[in-house]
């Protein structure tokens, strides 16, 4: 996943995914700690993930409700919906 903090084990914010077939990923979880809440951190993590997915030619299946809502709302992400 992509995270903010000292380690992936104890992140202050994280977005996680699992591979699905050869060309898709399932985004299953987004977490932002109370300390970082309200600063757009979840959106920044999603942006990082989207850039990575584009480079890797992966489509995104959003199981996480936050990611699903963000991807449906932003037309720039529509090409990645898998």
Protein backbone atom coordinates (compact mmCIF):
# COMPACT_ATOMS: atom_id res chain seq x y z
CA UNK A 1 0.00 0.00 0.00
CA UNK A 2 0.87 3.67 0.14
CA UNK A 3 1.22 5.12 3.62
CA UNK A 4 2.26 8.10 5.71
CA UNK A 5 4.17 7.45 8.93
CA UNK A 6 7.30 5.70 10.08
CA UNK A 7 6.30 2.23 8.94
CA UNK A 8 3.55 0.37 7.14
CA UNK A 9 2.84 -1.51 10.39
CA UNK A 10 1.97 1.67 12.29
CA UNK A 11 0.81 4.17 9.67
CA UNK A 12 -0.73 7.55 10.39
CA UNK A 13 -2.54 7.12 7.07
CA UNK A 14 -2.67 4.25 4.60
CA UNK A 15 -4.39 3.03 1.45
CA UNK A 16 -4.15 -0.70 0.79
CA UNK A 17 -4.90 -2.95 -2.16
CA UNK A 18 -4.56 -6.53 -3.35
CA UNK A 19 -3.80 -7.77 -6.87
CA UNK A 20 -6.76 -9.11 -8.86
CA UNK A 21 -5.70 -10.97 -11.96
CA UNK A 22 -2.86 -9.58 -14.02
CA UNK A 23 -4.15 -6.11 -14.75
CA UNK A 24 -6.37 -5.05 -11.87
CA UNK A 25 -6.13 -4.25 -8.17
CA UNK A 26 -8.80 -4.19 -5.50
CA UNK A 27 -8.47 -1.17 -3.20
CA UNK A 28 -9.83 -2.52 0.05
CA UNK A 29 -9.02 -0.01 2.77
CA UNK A 30 -8.19 3.62 3.47
CA UNK A 31 -7.33 4.87 6.93
CA UNK A 32 -6.38 8.34 8.15
CA UNK A 33 -5.60 8.91 11.83
CA UNK A 34 -7.53 11.52 13.80
CA UNK A 35 -4.36 13.64 13.97
CA UNK A 36 -4.20 13.93 10.16
CA UNK A 37 -7.93 13.99 9.54
CA UNK A 38 -9.39 16.83 7.48
CA UNK A 39 -6.16 17.65 5.64
CA UNK A 40 -6.92 15.88 2.37
CA UNK A 41 -4.48 13.08 3.19
CA UNK A 42 -6.79 10.32 1.91
CA UNK A 43 -7.10 12.13 -1.42
CA UNK A 44 -3.31 12.53 -1.62
CA UNK A 45 -2.80 8.82 -1.01
CA UNK A 46 -5.39 8.02 -3.67
CA UNK A 47 -3.56 10.32 -6.10
CA UNK A 48 -0.30 8.44 -5.44
CA UNK A 49 -2.08 5.13 -6.01
CA UNK A 50 -3.69 6.39 -9.23
CA UNK A 51 -0.34 7.57 -10.61
CA UNK A 52 1.20 4.19 -9.79
CA UNK A 53 -1.74 2.31 -11.36
CA UNK A 54 -1.44 4.33 -14.57
CA UNK A 55 2.29 3.58 -14.83
CA UNK A 56 1.66 -0.12 -14.21
CA UNK A 57 -1.38 -0.24 -16.56
CA UNK A 58 -3.66 -1.46 -13.78
CA UNK A 59 -7.38 -0.88 -13.43
CA UNK A 60 -8.80 -0.19 -9.96
CA UNK A 61 -11.73 -2.00 -8.38
CA UNK A 62 -12.73 0.21 -5.44
CA UNK A 63 -14.14 -1.85 -2.55
CA UNK A 64 -13.34 0.90 -0.06
CA UNK A 65 -16.28 3.33 0.09
CA UNK A 66 -14.01 6.40 0.25
CA UNK A 67 -12.06 5.39 -2.86
CA UNK A 68 -15.26 4.40 -4.70
CA UNK A 69 -16.83 7.81 -4.00
CA UNK A 70 -13.67 9.73 -4.97
CA UNK A 71 -13.17 7.79 -8.19
CA UNK A 72 -16.79 8.15 -9.27
CA UNK A 73 -16.81 11.87 -8.45
CA UNK A 74 -13.57 12.71 -10.30
CA UNK A 75 -13.73 12.25 -14.07
CA UNK A 76 -9.93 12.11 -14.27
CA UNK A 77 -10.11 8.71 -12.53
CA UNK A 78 -12.90 7.19 -14.63
CA UNK A 79 -10.49 5.57 -17.09
CA UNK A 80 -9.06 3.49 -14.24
CA UNK A 81 -12.31 2.05 -12.93
CA UNK A 82 -12.10 -1.69 -13.42
